[in-house]
Amino acid sequence: MSIGIFPMPEMSLSANIIERMKQAVGAATVKALADELGISSSSIGNWKSRGSIPITECMQIAETHNVSLDWLLRGHEGSHFVSNQGQKDSIGGDQPNASIPLYDVEGAAGAGRALDHESVIGSFQLDNDTIEQLGINDVHLAGVRVRGDSMEPTLTDNDWVIVDLDQQSYAQGGVFLIWVSGELRIKRLQRLAGGAALLISDNKLYDREMITFDKMQEFSVLGRVVLRLGEIS
């Protein structure tokens, strides 16, 4: 397995990420890195041998040591440090980036139809070139954690997903963050004749759910899921 937005070579990716983690925290050895993270050295050895690094540890280092998660995961030059002005600072100069807030809500529960009043627990940095290549809007992006297995294999428990809050039309289908009867969910949506909506779980063990036109007051689309941050198998 590898980790991040794009598939990359497994062993070299994990080894390179570990080296950048050491660089970010100023650790000369794997043991020093393990002490910084509060884990055992053998855990880091297992990351390298499996070719898989937990996203939570990467986010922890990015937040506590003020480095770009984009640099930490992918090693992009010019995207090392994140300044308070939302710019990536490097020896070669500043490069603009998008800082995507990560909200303290889960894709399986939540009380509101919007994220405006939810707590922000961190941020994910993407350079503007990547934003443009992905064809998404950097102004209204939000990160939400996935809970449960209903969207496997597309999304797995504990993944982070990036939601474009400006994309609320599901006429062409897709995976969306939605509000249904007081709960936040992540489902594949299909528009039906007569104004009804079909909620589809990619996990075939879960039944489809129809929101009929007369129940639309209990249904809202918050945004379209455009990126997944997690292990890529």
Protein backbone atom coordinates (compact mmCIF):
# COMPACT_ATOMS: atom_id res chain seq x y z
CA MET A 1 0.00 0.00 0.00
CA SER A 2 0.97 3.65 -0.35
CA ILE A 3 -0.51 6.77 1.11
CA GLY A 4 -1.58 10.11 -0.29
CA ILE A 5 -3.60 11.47 -3.19
CA PHE A 6 -1.81 9.70 -6.02
CA PRO A 7 -0.43 6.12 -6.27
CA MET A 8 3.35 6.05 -5.90
CA PRO A 9 6.07 3.36 -5.57
CA GLU A 10 5.51 1.65 -2.26
CA MET A 11 8.90 1.13 -0.61
CA SER A 12 10.60 4.29 -1.85
CA LEU A 13 7.54 6.37 -0.93
CA SER A 14 7.44 5.14 2.66
CA ALA A 15 11.20 5.51 3.13
CA ASN A 16 11.17 9.02 1.70
CA ILE A 17 8.23 10.08 3.86
CA ILE A 18 9.99 8.75 6.96
CA GLU A 19 13.12 10.72 6.05
CA ARG A 20 11.08 13.90 5.62
CA MET A 21 9.32 13.22 8.94
CA LYS A 22 12.75 13.01 10.60
CA GLN A 23 13.80 16.23 8.88
CA ALA A 24 10.64 18.04 9.97
CA VAL A 25 11.03 17.18 13.67
CA GLY A 26 14.83 17.43 13.70
CA ALA A 27 15.33 13.75 14.48
CA ALA A 28 18.64 12.16 13.52
CA THR A 29 17.44 8.60 14.07
CA VAL A 30 14.31 6.50 13.75
CA LYS A 31 14.25 6.16 17.54
CA ALA A 32 14.21 9.94 17.94
CA LEU A 33 11.32 10.16 15.49
CA ALA A 34 9.46 7.41 17.35
CA ASP A 35 9.98 9.24 20.66
CA GLU A 36 8.60 12.43 19.09
CA LEU A 37 5.47 10.59 17.94
CA GLY A 38 5.07 8.58 21.15
CA ILE A 39 5.34 5.21 19.39
CA SER A 40 7.90 2.40 19.20
CA SER A 41 10.76 2.24 16.72
CA SER A 42 9.41 -1.08 15.49
CA SER A 43 6.18 0.64 14.44
CA ILE A 44 8.14 2.87 12.08
CA GLY A 45 10.02 -0.16 10.79
CA ASN A 46 6.67 -1.79 10.03
CA TRP A 47 5.55 1.29 8.08
CA LYS A 48 8.59 1.00 5.87
CA SER A 49 8.30 -2.76 5.32
CA ARG A 50 4.57 -2.58 4.57
CA GLY A 51 4.85 0.50 2.39
CA SER A 52 2.08 2.19 4.41
CA ILE A 53 2.20 5.20 6.76
CA PRO A 54 -0.83 6.34 8.82
CA ILE A 55 -2.13 9.73 7.68
CA THR A 56 -2.75 10.77 11.31
CA GLU A 57 0.98 10.75 12.14
CA CYS A 58 1.73 12.81 9.03
CA MET A 59 -0.95 15.32 9.98
CA GLN A 60 0.40 15.47 13.54
CA ILE A 61 3.87 16.44 12.31
CA ALA A 62 2.51 18.89 9.74
CA GLU A 63 0.51 20.72 12.39
CA THR A 64 3.00 20.68 15.29
CA HIS A 65 6.09 21.52 13.21
CA ASN A 66 4.50 23.93 10.71
CA VAL A 67 5.37 22.00 7.56
CA SER A 68 3.26 21.41 4.49
CA LEU A 69 1.51 18.05 4.35
CA ASP A 70 1.93 18.23 0.58
CA TRP A 71 5.71 18.39 1.04
CA LEU A 72 5.69 15.71 3.75
CA LEU A 73 3.78 13.20 1.61
CA ARG A 74 5.09 14.01 -1.85
CA GLY A 75 8.32 15.94 -1.31
CA HIS A 76 7.48 18.81 -3.66
CA GLU A 77 10.23 21.41 -3.73
CA GLY A 78 9.20 24.89 -2.74
CA SER A 79 6.41 23.65 -0.47
CA HIS A 80 8.24 22.90 2.77
CA PHE A 81 7.13 25.37 5.40
CA VAL A 82 3.70 26.93 5.91
CA SER A 83 3.69 30.52 7.11
CA ASN A 84 0.97 32.26 9.08
CA GLN A 85 -0.06 34.14 5.94
CA GLY A 86 -1.03 30.88 4.23
CA GLN A 87 2.06 30.90 1.96
CA LYS A 88 4.52 28.07 1.51
CA ASP A 89 8.00 29.38 2.34
CA SER A 90 11.12 27.86 0.83
CA ILE A 91 14.71 28.85 0.14
CA GLY A 92 13.71 29.69 -3.41
CA GLY A 93 10.85 32.00 -2.38
CA ASP A 94 7.14 31.90 -1.64
CA GLN A 95 4.67 29.76 -3.52
CA PRO A 96 0.92 30.29 -2.99
CA ASN A 97 -1.12 27.38 -1.71
CA ALA A 98 -4.59 26.48 -0.58
CA SER A 99 -5.10 25.70 3.09
CA ILE A 100 -8.04 23.32 3.39
CA PRO A 101 -9.65 23.23 6.87
CA LEU A 102 -10.19 19.82 8.46
CA TYR A 103 -13.43 19.83 10.45
CA ASP A 104 -14.20 18.02 13.68
CA VAL A 105 -17.15 16.18 12.21
CA GLU A 106 -17.54 12.70 10.80
CA GLY A 107 -19.18 11.48 7.64
CA ALA A 108 -21.52 9.28 9.63
CA ALA A 109 -22.97 11.77 12.12
CA GLY A 110 -23.51 15.48 12.64
CA ALA A 111 -26.23 17.86 13.65
CA GLY A 112 -26.00 20.68 11.13
CA ARG A 113 -26.72 21.35 7.47
CA ALA A 114 -23.46 23.34 7.11
CA LEU A 115 -19.89 23.22 8.41
CA ASP A 116 -19.62 26.92 9.22
CA HIS A 117 -19.94 26.51 12.99
CA GLU A 118 -17.97 23.27 13.38
CA SER A 119 -14.53 23.17 15.02
CA VAL A 120 -11.47 23.16 12.75
CA ILE A 121 -8.83 20.74 14.07
CA GLY A 122 -6.18 21.19 11.40
CA SER A 123 -5.53 21.95 7.75
CA PHE A 124 -4.28 20.25 4.61
CA GLN A 125 -2.05 22.19 2.21
CA LEU A 126 -2.32 21.86 -1.58
CA ASP A 127 -0.39 24.01 -4.03
CA ASN A 128 -2.47 25.97 -6.49
CA ASP A 129 -1.02 24.12 -9.50
CA THR A 130 -2.39 20.85 -8.07
CA ILE A 131 -5.74 22.50 -7.34
CA GLU A 132 -5.94 23.64 -10.96
CA GLN A 133 -4.90 20.26 -12.37
CA LEU A 134 -7.59 18.54 -10.30
CA GLY A 135 -10.20 20.99 -11.57
CA ILE A 136 -11.58 21.84 -8.13
CA ASN A 137 -12.41 25.10 -6.37
CA ASP A 138 -9.85 26.04 -3.70
CA VAL A 139 -12.13 28.67 -2.15
CA HIS A 140 -14.74 26.37 -0.61
CA LEU A 141 -12.98 23.10 0.17
CA ALA A 142 -13.34 21.24 3.47
CA GLY A 143 -11.88 18.07 4.97
CA VAL A 144 -14.13 15.54 6.73
CA ARG A 145 -13.23 12.18 8.26
CA VAL A 146 -15.00 9.02 7.03
CA ARG A 147 -16.51 6.64 9.58
CA GLY A 148 -17.81 3.16 8.89
CA ASP A 149 -17.53 0.74 5.98
CA SER A 150 -20.61 1.64 3.94
CA MET A 151 -18.56 3.20 1.11
CA GLU A 152 -15.91 0.49 0.84
CA PRO A 153 -13.92 -0.11 -1.29
CA THR A 154 -14.11 3.50 -2.54
CA LEU A 155 -13.70 5.01 0.94
CA THR A 156 -12.62 3.22 4.09
CA ASP A 157 -13.06 3.93 7.79
CA ASN A 158 -10.80 6.73 9.05
CA ASP A 159 -10.03 8.16 5.60
CA TRP A 160 -10.09 11.91 5.20
CA VAL A 161 -11.95 13.25 2.19
CA ILE A 162 -11.88 16.70 0.63
CA VAL A 163 -15.33 18.11 -0.16
CA ASP A 164 -15.98 20.89 -2.69
CA LEU A 165 -18.79 22.81 -0.99
CA ASP A 166 -19.62 24.65 -4.23
CA GLN A 167 -20.60 21.42 -6.01
CA GLN A 168 -24.07 20.61 -4.72
CA SER A 169 -25.78 19.45 -7.91
CA TYR A 170 -26.01 15.67 -8.16
CA ALA A 171 -27.79 15.52 -11.51
CA GLN A 172 -24.77 13.75 -12.99
CA GLY A 173 -24.22 11.52 -9.96
CA GLY A 174 -21.10 11.23 -7.81
CA VAL A 175 -20.16 10.87 -4.14
CA PHE A 176 -21.42 13.63 -1.83
CA LEU A 177 -21.42 14.79 1.77
CA ILE A 178 -25.10 15.03 2.63
CA TRP A 179 -27.36 15.84 5.56
CA VAL A 180 -30.25 13.45 6.17
CA SER A 181 -32.63 13.80 9.14
CA GLY A 182 -29.99 15.29 11.43
CA GLU A 183 -27.07 13.11 10.33
CA LEU A 184 -24.11 13.76 8.07
CA ARG A 185 -23.43 10.96 5.61
CA ILE A 186 -21.18 10.28 2.65
CA LYS A 187 -23.08 8.52 -0.11
CA ARG A 188 -23.22 8.13 -3.86
CA LEU A 189 -26.25 10.06 -5.14
CA GLN A 190 -28.53 9.50 -8.10
CA ARG A 191 -31.36 11.82 -9.08
CA LEU A 192 -34.64 10.04 -9.83
CA ALA A 193 -37.71 11.09 -11.77
CA GLY A 194 -40.14 13.23 -9.81
CA GLY A 195 -37.43 14.92 -7.73
CA ALA A 196 -36.54 11.93 -5.56
CA ALA A 197 -32.95 11.07 -4.62
CA LEU A 198 -31.35 7.63 -4.32
CA LEU A 199 -28.62 7.15 -1.69
CA ILE A 200 -26.20 4.40 -2.70
CA SER A 201 -23.55 2.69 -0.58
CA ASP A 202 -20.64 1.26 -2.58
CA ASN A 203 -20.50 -1.59 -0.06
CA LYS A 204 -23.02 -4.07 -1.49
CA LEU A 205 -23.93 -5.24 2.04
CA TYR A 206 -25.88 -2.01 2.52
CA ASP A 207 -29.30 -1.40 0.99
CA ARG A 208 -30.05 1.61 -1.17
CA GLU A 209 -32.20 4.32 0.39
CA MET A 210 -34.69 6.55 -1.40
CA ILE A 211 -35.47 10.10 -0.34
CA THR A 212 -38.88 10.80 -1.80
CA PHE A 213 -39.93 14.27 -2.91
CA ASP A 214 -42.16 14.78 0.14
CA LYS A 215 -39.14 14.07 2.45
CA MET A 216 -36.80 16.56 0.78
CA GLN A 217 -37.06 18.95 3.74
CA GLU A 218 -35.00 16.38 5.67
CA PHE A 219 -32.31 16.21 2.99
CA SER A 220 -29.51 18.60 1.96
CA VAL A 221 -26.38 18.26 -0.17
CA LEU A 222 -23.38 19.98 1.43
CA GLY A 223 -20.84 19.27 -1.32
CA ARG A 224 -19.20 16.77 -3.63
CA VAL A 225 -16.36 14.53 -2.44
CA VAL A 226 -13.47 15.28 -4.81
CA LEU A 227 -10.37 13.80 -3.12
CA ARG A 228 -9.55 10.94 -0.77
CA LEU A 229 -6.64 11.15 1.68
CA GLY A 230 -5.78 7.69 2.91
CA GLU A 231 -4.08 4.44 2.10
CA ILE A 232 -4.14 3.45 -1.55
CA SER A 233 -4.18 -0.32 -2.06
